[in-house]
């Protein structure tokens, strides 16, 4: 049966070639790279952080050769829809209005939100915030929350990234910032943030703030299925816990409760 042997060999070679091609699939991945501890730009221009390590692990397990691309958060969705990159892996909350225009992976982390401002300035939070200016990502989750729950009390001021928010907070151009709890804690622990503290309650509102954070894709992109599978595997074998412990020790930002 030499013919059958040749056919079998050809099938094996074809399968191996297909797997190799899959392993070499190249994509571009967007990161803000100015949102520590999730992503930041090092002095040498490289990127590091929780999402960079997690994203690299996702890419490895999904058989993807990923190139990170820096993008300000406020232009990230438009750039994805314009096909400037293949995937967003940059603290993008999963929200219904975003799901209308793009696809999301299963959530890979979940966090809460806080206001923070000058130490001692917001002891009576409800009274002290009236007429104050708060820095938020323009048009993003935080912006929408402030407009919905603090209309007439707080004036939201939109920015492209966290570095801009913190610069204006330190310089007194805004009175408060509102953002994810862990990056806020990172700022407060830095020399730049030594005169500031969390103000008011810790906020967890899935209706406005989203159902965790996921990778974002153009509608119908088959990358979603590959990334979902990789995220599940990373949770299953304990790799997520190792990355979490490295970048946010003591925190619990696991999101598997949202999809198990």
C-alpha atoms as a PDB file:
ATOM      1  CA  UNK A   1       0.000   0.000   0.000  1.00  0.00           C
ATOM      2  CA  UNK A   2       2.756   2.487  -0.926  1.00  0.00           C
ATOM      3  CA  UNK A   3       0.210   5.004  -2.171  1.00  0.00           C
ATOM      4  CA  UNK A   4      -1.593   5.081   1.154  1.00  0.00           C
ATOM      5  CA  UNK A   5       1.710   5.498   3.015  1.00  0.00           C
ATOM      6  CA  UNK A   6       2.604   8.468   0.839  1.00  0.00           C
ATOM      7  CA  UNK A   7      -0.801  10.020   1.420  1.00  0.00           C
ATOM      8  CA  UNK A   8      -0.484   9.538   5.183  1.00  0.00           C
ATOM      9  CA  UNK A   9       2.983  11.095   5.166  1.00  0.00           C
ATOM     10  CA  UNK A  10       1.736  14.007   3.099  1.00  0.00           C
ATOM     11  CA  UNK A  11      -1.126  14.551   5.545  1.00  0.00           C
ATOM     12  CA  UNK A  12       1.277  14.607   8.505  1.00  0.00           C
ATOM     13  CA  UNK A  13       3.570  17.077   6.739  1.00  0.00           C
ATOM     14  CA  UNK A  14       0.626  19.283   5.798  1.00  0.00           C
ATOM     15  CA  UNK A  15      -0.628  19.297   9.392  1.00  0.00           C
ATOM     16  CA  UNK A  16       2.833  20.162  10.697  1.00  0.00           C
ATOM     17  CA  UNK A  17       3.132  22.981   8.171  1.00  0.00           C
ATOM     18  CA  UNK A  18      -0.276  24.327   9.181  1.00  0.00           C
ATOM     19  CA  UNK A  19       0.657  24.275  12.870  1.00  0.00           C
ATOM     20  CA  UNK A  20       3.917  26.055  12.122  1.00  0.00           C
ATOM     21  CA  UNK A  21       2.062  28.728  10.167  1.00  0.00           C
ATOM     22  CA  UNK A  22      -0.341  29.172  13.070  1.00  0.00           C
ATOM     23  CA  UNK A  23       2.529  29.507  15.533  1.00  0.00           C
ATOM     24  CA  UNK A  24       4.045  32.216  13.366  1.00  0.00           C
ATOM     25  CA  UNK A  25       0.864  34.290  12.949  1.00  0.00           C
ATOM     26  CA  UNK A  26       1.829  37.894  13.634  1.00  0.00           C
ATOM     27  CA  UNK A  27      -0.523  40.420  15.181  1.00  0.00           C
ATOM     28  CA  UNK A  28      -0.257  43.881  16.719  1.00  0.00           C
ATOM     29  CA  UNK A  29      -1.542  44.540  20.246  1.00  0.00           C
ATOM     30  CA  UNK A  30      -2.410  47.968  21.664  1.00  0.00           C
ATOM     31  CA  UNK A  31      -1.340  49.077  25.141  1.00  0.00           C
ATOM     32  CA  UNK A  32      -1.557  52.452  26.844  1.00  0.00           C
ATOM     33  CA  UNK A  33       1.836  51.782  28.463  1.00  0.00           C
ATOM     34  CA  UNK A  34       1.289  54.547  31.043  1.00  0.00           C
ATOM     35  CA  UNK A  35      -1.056  52.839  33.510  1.00  0.00           C
ATOM     36  CA  UNK A  36       1.079  51.122  36.167  1.00  0.00           C
ATOM     37  CA  UNK A  37       0.996  48.484  37.529  1.00  0.00           C
ATOM     38  CA  UNK A  38      -0.878  47.226  34.459  1.00  0.00           C
ATOM     39  CA  UNK A  39       1.357  48.772  31.811  1.00  0.00           C
ATOM     40  CA  UNK A  40       4.193  51.285  31.717  1.00  0.00           C
ATOM     41  CA  UNK A  41       7.017  52.441  29.466  1.00  0.00           C
ATOM     42  CA  UNK A  42      10.538  51.815  30.760  1.00  0.00           C
ATOM     43  CA  UNK A  43      13.447  54.216  30.254  1.00  0.00           C
ATOM     44  CA  UNK A  44      14.738  52.098  27.373  1.00  0.00           C
ATOM     45  CA  UNK A  45      11.383  52.282  25.561  1.00  0.00           C
ATOM     46  CA  UNK A  46      10.262  48.741  26.374  1.00  0.00           C
ATOM     47  CA  UNK A  47       6.924  47.983  28.013  1.00  0.00           C
ATOM     48  CA  UNK A  48       6.337  46.212  31.314  1.00  0.00           C
ATOM     49  CA  UNK A  49       3.533  45.533  33.755  1.00  0.00           C
ATOM     50  CA  UNK A  50       0.832  43.062  34.698  1.00  0.00           C
ATOM     51  CA  UNK A  51      -0.951  43.262  31.345  1.00  0.00           C
ATOM     52  CA  UNK A  52       2.275  43.065  29.370  1.00  0.00           C
ATOM     53  CA  UNK A  53       3.294  39.833  31.121  1.00  0.00           C
ATOM     54  CA  UNK A  54      -0.227  38.414  30.906  1.00  0.00           C
ATOM     55  CA  UNK A  55      -0.599  39.472  27.279  1.00  0.00           C
ATOM     56  CA  UNK A  56       2.711  37.881  26.326  1.00  0.00           C
ATOM     57  CA  UNK A  57       1.601  34.645  27.984  1.00  0.00           C
ATOM     58  CA  UNK A  58      -1.729  34.766  26.135  1.00  0.00           C
ATOM     59  CA  UNK A  59       0.080  35.294  22.839  1.00  0.00           C
ATOM     60  CA  UNK A  60       2.458  32.401  23.497  1.00  0.00           C
ATOM     61  CA  UNK A  61      -0.344  29.982  24.313  1.00  0.00           C
ATOM     62  CA  UNK A  62      -2.484  31.131  21.399  1.00  0.00           C
ATOM     63  CA  UNK A  63       0.396  30.617  18.963  1.00  0.00           C
ATOM     64  CA  UNK A  64       0.681  34.314  18.153  1.00  0.00           C
ATOM     65  CA  UNK A  65       3.715  36.477  17.465  1.00  0.00           C
ATOM     66  CA  UNK A  66       2.573  39.704  19.125  1.00  0.00           C
ATOM     67  CA  UNK A  67       4.009  43.176  18.602  1.00  0.00           C
ATOM     68  CA  UNK A  68       2.988  45.746  21.218  1.00  0.00           C
ATOM     69  CA  UNK A  69       1.874  49.166  19.949  1.00  0.00           C
ATOM     70  CA  UNK A  70       1.516  52.200  22.235  1.00  0.00           C
ATOM     71  CA  UNK A  71      -1.804  54.037  21.932  1.00  0.00           C
ATOM     72  CA  UNK A  72      -3.473  56.699  24.092  1.00  0.00           C
ATOM     73  CA  UNK A  73      -6.556  55.211  25.691  1.00  0.00           C
ATOM     74  CA  UNK A  74      -9.046  57.776  24.392  1.00  0.00           C
ATOM     75  CA  UNK A  75      -8.275  56.866  20.771  1.00  0.00           C
ATOM     76  CA  UNK A  76      -7.975  53.124  21.270  1.00  0.00           C
ATOM     77  CA  UNK A  77     -11.417  51.964  20.121  1.00  0.00           C
ATOM     78  CA  UNK A  78     -11.420  54.146  17.002  1.00  0.00           C
ATOM     79  CA  UNK A  79      -7.940  52.917  16.090  1.00  0.00           C
ATOM     80  CA  UNK A  80      -9.002  49.284  16.535  1.00  0.00           C
ATOM     81  CA  UNK A  81     -12.036  49.796  14.293  1.00  0.00           C
ATOM     82  CA  UNK A  82      -9.722  51.420  11.729  1.00  0.00           C
ATOM     83  CA  UNK A  83      -7.634  48.202  11.856  1.00  0.00           C
ATOM     84  CA  UNK A  84      -4.502  49.969  13.121  1.00  0.00           C
ATOM     85  CA  UNK A  85      -3.920  46.925  15.334  1.00  0.00           C
ATOM     86  CA  UNK A  86      -5.529  43.525  15.849  1.00  0.00           C
ATOM     87  CA  UNK A  87      -6.182  43.452  19.575  1.00  0.00           C
ATOM     88  CA  UNK A  88      -6.500  45.830  22.519  1.00  0.00           C
ATOM     89  CA  UNK A  89      -5.008  44.483  25.756  1.00  0.00           C
ATOM     90  CA  UNK A  90      -5.147  47.596  27.878  1.00  0.00           C
ATOM     91  CA  UNK A  91      -7.581  47.669  30.829  1.00  0.00           C
ATOM     92  CA  UNK A  92     -10.628  47.946  28.550  1.00  0.00           C
ATOM     93  CA  UNK A  93     -13.790  47.418  30.622  1.00  0.00           C
ATOM     94  CA  UNK A  94     -16.427  45.161  29.065  1.00  0.00           C
ATOM     95  CA  UNK A  95     -19.523  47.316  28.592  1.00  0.00           C
ATOM     96  CA  UNK A  96     -22.681  46.928  26.462  1.00  0.00           C
ATOM     97  CA  UNK A  97     -22.061  50.042  24.365  1.00  0.00           C
ATOM     98  CA  UNK A  98     -18.573  48.804  23.478  1.00  0.00           C
ATOM     99  CA  UNK A  99     -19.873  45.324  22.681  1.00  0.00           C
ATOM    100  CA  UNK A 100     -22.097  46.887  20.017  1.00  0.00           C
ATOM    101  CA  UNK A 101     -19.042  47.845  17.951  1.00  0.00           C
ATOM    102  CA  UNK A 102     -16.408  45.272  18.953  1.00  0.00           C
ATOM    103  CA  UNK A 103     -15.937  41.783  20.407  1.00  0.00           C
ATOM    104  CA  UNK A 104     -14.392  41.039  23.806  1.00  0.00           C
ATOM    105  CA  UNK A 105     -12.610  38.054  25.255  1.00  0.00           C
ATOM    106  CA  UNK A 106     -13.776  36.605  28.531  1.00  0.00           C
ATOM    107  CA  UNK A 107     -12.662  38.918  31.384  1.00  0.00           C
ATOM    108  CA  UNK A 108      -9.034  38.496  32.430  1.00  0.00           C
ATOM    109  CA  UNK A 109      -9.087  40.776  35.480  1.00  0.00           C
ATOM    110  CA  UNK A 110     -11.603  42.696  37.588  1.00  0.00           C
ATOM    111  CA  UNK A 111     -11.024  45.706  39.807  1.00  0.00           C
ATOM    112  CA  UNK A 112     -12.763  48.480  41.730  1.00  0.00           C
ATOM    113  CA  UNK A 113     -12.573  52.270  41.386  1.00  0.00           C
ATOM    114  CA  UNK A 114     -11.680  55.145  43.736  1.00  0.00           C
ATOM    115  CA  UNK A 115     -11.553  58.914  43.917  1.00  0.00           C
ATOM    116  CA  UNK A 116      -8.318  60.401  45.260  1.00  0.00           C
ATOM    117  CA  UNK A 117      -7.273  63.947  46.121  1.00  0.00           C
ATOM    118  CA  UNK A 118      -5.341  66.118  48.579  1.00  0.00           C
ATOM    119  CA  UNK A 119      -4.949  64.655  52.059  1.00  0.00           C
ATOM    120  CA  UNK A 120      -7.566  65.997  54.443  1.00  0.00           C
ATOM    121  CA  UNK A 121      -9.488  67.885  51.755  1.00  0.00           C
ATOM    122  CA  UNK A 122     -12.397  65.441  51.449  1.00  0.00           C
ATOM    123  CA  UNK A 123     -13.237  64.330  54.982  1.00  0.00           C
ATOM    124  CA  UNK A 124     -16.935  64.919  54.307  1.00  0.00           C
ATOM    125  CA  UNK A 125     -16.894  63.485  50.812  1.00  0.00           C
ATOM    126  CA  UNK A 126     -20.483  64.294  49.801  1.00  0.00           C
ATOM    127  CA  UNK A 127     -20.129  67.940  50.858  1.00  0.00           C
ATOM    128  CA  UNK A 128     -16.498  68.534  49.940  1.00  0.00           C
ATOM    129  CA  UNK A 129     -16.710  67.398  46.307  1.00  0.00           C
ATOM    130  CA  UNK A 130     -19.278  70.040  45.335  1.00  0.00           C
ATOM    131  CA  UNK A 131     -17.936  72.359  42.660  1.00  0.00           C
ATOM    132  CA  UNK A 132     -14.672  70.435  42.311  1.00  0.00           C
ATOM    133  CA  UNK A 133     -12.907  69.317  39.126  1.00  0.00           C
ATOM    134  CA  UNK A 134     -12.086  65.630  38.692  1.00  0.00           C
ATOM    135  CA  UNK A 135      -9.653  64.131  36.195  1.00  0.00           C
ATOM    136  CA  UNK A 136     -10.925  61.164  34.177  1.00  0.00           C
ATOM    137  CA  UNK A 137     -10.169  59.370  30.925  1.00  0.00           C
ATOM    138  CA  UNK A 138     -12.105  61.351  28.316  1.00  0.00           C
ATOM    139  CA  UNK A 139     -15.322  59.563  27.345  1.00  0.00           C
ATOM    140  CA  UNK A 140     -14.330  56.399  29.188  1.00  0.00           C
ATOM    141  CA  UNK A 141     -15.854  54.408  32.035  1.00  0.00           C
ATOM    142  CA  UNK A 142     -14.790  56.860  34.749  1.00  0.00           C
ATOM    143  CA  UNK A 143     -16.114  59.845  32.800  1.00  0.00           C
ATOM    144  CA  UNK A 144     -19.520  58.185  32.375  1.00  0.00           C
ATOM    145  CA  UNK A 145     -19.724  57.290  36.064  1.00  0.00           C
ATOM    146  CA  UNK A 146     -19.042  60.862  37.191  1.00  0.00           C
ATOM    147  CA  UNK A 147     -21.595  62.285  34.757  1.00  0.00           C
ATOM    148  CA  UNK A 148     -24.255  59.800  35.873  1.00  0.00           C
ATOM    149  CA  UNK A 149     -23.811  59.854  39.641  1.00  0.00           C
ATOM    150  CA  UNK A 150     -22.235  63.265  40.340  1.00  0.00           C
ATOM    151  CA  UNK A 151     -23.858  65.567  37.783  1.00  0.00           C
ATOM    152  CA  UNK A 152     -24.006  69.090  39.206  1.00  0.00           C
ATOM    153  CA  UNK A 153     -21.487  68.213  41.923  1.00  0.00           C
ATOM    154  CA  UNK A 154     -18.292  67.381  40.075  1.00  0.00           C
ATOM    155  CA  UNK A 155     -16.946  68.742  36.803  1.00  0.00           C
ATOM    156  CA  UNK A 156     -15.248  65.937  34.834  1.00  0.00           C
ATOM    157  CA  UNK A 157     -12.083  66.966  33.003  1.00  0.00           C
ATOM    158  CA  UNK A 158     -11.045  64.550  30.251  1.00  0.00           C
ATOM    159  CA  UNK A 159      -7.496  63.347  29.592  1.00  0.00           C
ATOM    160  CA  UNK A 160      -5.774  60.938  27.225  1.00  0.00           C
ATOM    161  CA  UNK A 161      -3.815  58.998  29.852  1.00  0.00           C
ATOM    162  CA  UNK A 162      -3.033  58.650  33.557  1.00  0.00           C
ATOM    163  CA  UNK A 163       0.236  60.586  33.351  1.00  0.00           C
ATOM    164  CA  UNK A 164      -1.662  63.693  32.248  1.00  0.00           C
ATOM    165  CA  UNK A 165      -4.240  63.279  35.024  1.00  0.00           C
ATOM    166  CA  UNK A 166      -1.587  62.937  37.712  1.00  0.00           C
ATOM    167  CA  UNK A 167       0.446  65.886  36.418  1.00  0.00           C
ATOM    168  CA  UNK A 168      -2.575  68.184  36.655  1.00  0.00           C
ATOM    169  CA  UNK A 169      -3.576  66.761  40.046  1.00  0.00           C
ATOM    170  CA  UNK A 170      -0.125  67.520  41.459  1.00  0.00           C
ATOM    171  CA  UNK A 171      -0.104  70.991  39.882  1.00  0.00           C
ATOM    172  CA  UNK A 172      -3.558  71.830  41.268  1.00  0.00           C
ATOM    173  CA  UNK A 173      -5.354  72.159  37.934  1.00  0.00           C
ATOM    174  CA  UNK A 174      -7.845  69.528  39.116  1.00  0.00           C
ATOM    175  CA  UNK A 175      -8.984  68.697  42.638  1.00  0.00           C
ATOM    176  CA  UNK A 176      -9.520  64.948  42.337  1.00  0.00           C
ATOM    177  CA  UNK A 177      -8.797  61.992  40.108  1.00  0.00           C
ATOM    178  CA  UNK A 178     -11.079  59.015  39.571  1.00  0.00           C
ATOM    179  CA  UNK A 179      -9.784  55.681  38.343  1.00  0.00           C
ATOM    180  CA  UNK A 180      -9.021  52.032  38.986  1.00  0.00           C
ATOM    181  CA  UNK A 181      -7.998  51.249  42.547  1.00  0.00           C
ATOM    182  CA  UNK A 182      -4.644  49.570  41.877  1.00  0.00           C
ATOM    183  CA  UNK A 183      -3.167  52.244  39.573  1.00  0.00           C
ATOM    184  CA  UNK A 184      -4.431  54.834  42.066  1.00  0.00           C
ATOM    185  CA  UNK A 185      -2.612  53.010  44.868  1.00  0.00           C
ATOM    186  CA  UNK A 186       0.535  52.923  42.723  1.00  0.00           C
ATOM    187  CA  UNK A 187       0.379  56.701  42.297  1.00  0.00           C
ATOM    188  CA  UNK A 188      -0.352  57.294  45.998  1.00  0.00           C
ATOM    189  CA  UNK A 189       2.673  55.188  46.981  1.00  0.00           C
ATOM    190  CA  UNK A 190       4.986  57.163  44.683  1.00  0.00           C
ATOM    191  CA  UNK A 191       6.890  60.346  45.651  1.00  0.00           C
ATOM    192  CA  UNK A 192       4.579  62.277  43.316  1.00  0.00           C
ATOM    193  CA  UNK A 193       1.513  61.083  45.212  1.00  0.00           C
ATOM    194  CA  UNK A 194       2.700  61.521  48.805  1.00  0.00           C
ATOM    195  CA  UNK A 195       0.349  64.463  49.495  1.00  0.00           C
ATOM    196  CA  UNK A 196      -2.757  62.638  48.234  1.00  0.00           C
ATOM    197  CA  UNK A 197      -5.104  59.934  49.517  1.00  0.00           C
ATOM    198  CA  UNK A 198      -8.217  57.953  48.612  1.00  0.00           C
ATOM    199  CA  UNK A 199     -11.347  60.060  49.083  1.00  0.00           C
ATOM    200  CA  UNK A 200     -14.782  58.608  49.711  1.00  0.00           C
ATOM    201  CA  UNK A 201     -15.911  54.994  49.315  1.00  0.00           C
ATOM    202  CA  UNK A 202     -14.448  52.283  47.113  1.00  0.00           C
ATOM    203  CA  UNK A 203     -16.765  51.924  44.129  1.00  0.00           C
ATOM    204  CA  UNK A 204     -17.891  48.739  42.402  1.00  0.00           C
ATOM    205  CA  UNK A 205     -20.744  49.338  39.958  1.00  0.00           C
ATOM    206  CA  UNK A 206     -20.853  46.804  37.082  1.00  0.00           C
ATOM    207  CA  UNK A 207     -23.750  48.638  35.417  1.00  0.00           C
ATOM    208  CA  UNK A 208     -21.549  51.646  34.648  1.00  0.00           C
ATOM    209  CA  UNK A 209     -18.001  50.486  35.310  1.00  0.00           C
ATOM    210  CA  UNK A 210     -18.231  47.253  33.328  1.00  0.00           C
ATOM    211  CA  UNK A 211     -18.098  43.487  33.866  1.00  0.00           C
ATOM    212  CA  UNK A 212     -14.377  43.134  34.251  1.00  0.00           C
ATOM    213  CA  UNK A 213     -11.617  43.832  31.741  1.00  0.00           C
ATOM    214  CA  UNK A 214     -11.168  41.910  28.497  1.00  0.00           C
ATOM    215  CA  UNK A 215      -9.165  41.864  25.297  1.00  0.00           C
ATOM    216  CA  UNK A 216     -10.952  43.737  22.505  1.00  0.00           C
ATOM    217  CA  UNK A 217     -11.189  42.771  18.821  1.00  0.00           C
ATOM    218  CA  UNK A 218     -12.917  43.862  15.645  1.00  0.00           C
ATOM    219  CA  UNK A 219     -16.333  42.229  15.240  1.00  0.00           C
ATOM    220  CA  UNK A 220     -16.098  38.624  14.082  1.00  0.00           C
ATOM    221  CA  UNK A 221     -12.321  38.312  14.503  1.00  0.00           C
ATOM    222  CA  UNK A 222     -11.402  34.622  15.081  1.00  0.00           C
ATOM    223  CA  UNK A 223      -8.637  35.758  17.442  1.00  0.00           C
ATOM    224  CA  UNK A 224     -11.268  35.965  20.184  1.00  0.00           C
ATOM    225  CA  UNK A 225     -11.683  32.182  20.422  1.00  0.00           C
ATOM    226  CA  UNK A 226      -7.908  31.641  20.605  1.00  0.00           C
ATOM    227  CA  UNK A 227      -7.477  34.280  23.297  1.00  0.00           C
ATOM    228  CA  UNK A 228     -10.417  32.946  25.339  1.00  0.00           C
ATOM    229  CA  UNK A 229      -8.851  29.490  25.329  1.00  0.00           C
ATOM    230  CA  UNK A 230      -5.471  30.898  26.364  1.00  0.00           C
ATOM    231  CA  UNK A 231      -6.975  32.903  29.252  1.00  0.00           C
ATOM    232  CA  UNK A 232      -8.793  29.824  30.571  1.00  0.00           C
ATOM    233  CA  UNK A 233      -5.563  27.808  30.462  1.00  0.00           C
ATOM    234  CA  UNK A 234      -3.591  30.546  32.242  1.00  0.00           C
ATOM    235  CA  UNK A 235      -6.129  30.552  35.076  1.00  0.00           C
ATOM    236  CA  UNK A 236      -6.338  26.752  35.200  1.00  0.00           C
ATOM    237  CA  UNK A 237      -2.627  26.058  35.725  1.00  0.00           C
ATOM    238  CA  UNK A 238      -1.887  28.853  38.217  1.00  0.00           C
ATOM    239  CA  UNK A 239       0.038  31.126  35.851  1.00  0.00           C
ATOM    240  CA  UNK A 240      -2.406  33.985  36.433  1.00  0.00           C
ATOM    241  CA  UNK A 241      -1.752  33.827  40.182  1.00  0.00           C
ATOM    242  CA  UNK A 242       2.014  34.072  39.627  1.00  0.00           C
ATOM    243  CA  UNK A 243       1.672  37.148  37.407  1.00  0.00           C
ATOM    244  CA  UNK A 244      -0.804  38.707  39.860  1.00  0.00           C
ATOM    245  CA  UNK A 245       1.569  38.119  42.780  1.00  0.00           C
ATOM    246  CA  UNK A 246       4.471  39.667  40.847  1.00  0.00           C
ATOM    247  CA  UNK A 247       2.696  42.910  39.975  1.00  0.00           C
ATOM    248  CA  UNK A 248      -0.108  43.356  42.530  1.00  0.00           C
ATOM    249  CA  UNK A 249       0.864  41.294  45.595  1.00  0.00           C
ATOM    250  CA  UNK A 250      -1.938  40.925  48.088  1.00  0.00           C
ATOM    251  CA  UNK A 251      -4.622  42.080  45.659  1.00  0.00           C
ATOM    252  CA  UNK A 252      -7.379  39.897  44.272  1.00  0.00           C
ATOM    253  CA  UNK A 253      -8.180  40.834  40.694  1.00  0.00           C
ATOM    254  CA  UNK A 254      -9.157  37.377  39.457  1.00  0.00           C
ATOM    255  CA  UNK A 255     -12.016  37.485  36.963  1.00  0.00           C
ATOM    256  CA  UNK A 256     -12.766  33.779  36.532  1.00  0.00           C
ATOM    257  CA  UNK A 257     -15.800  34.103  38.824  1.00  0.00           C
ATOM    258  CA  UNK A 258     -17.363  36.105  35.988  1.00  0.00           C
ATOM    259  CA  UNK A 259     -17.190  33.256  33.479  1.00  0.00           C
ATOM    260  CA  UNK A 260     -16.866  29.952  35.343  1.00  0.00           C
END
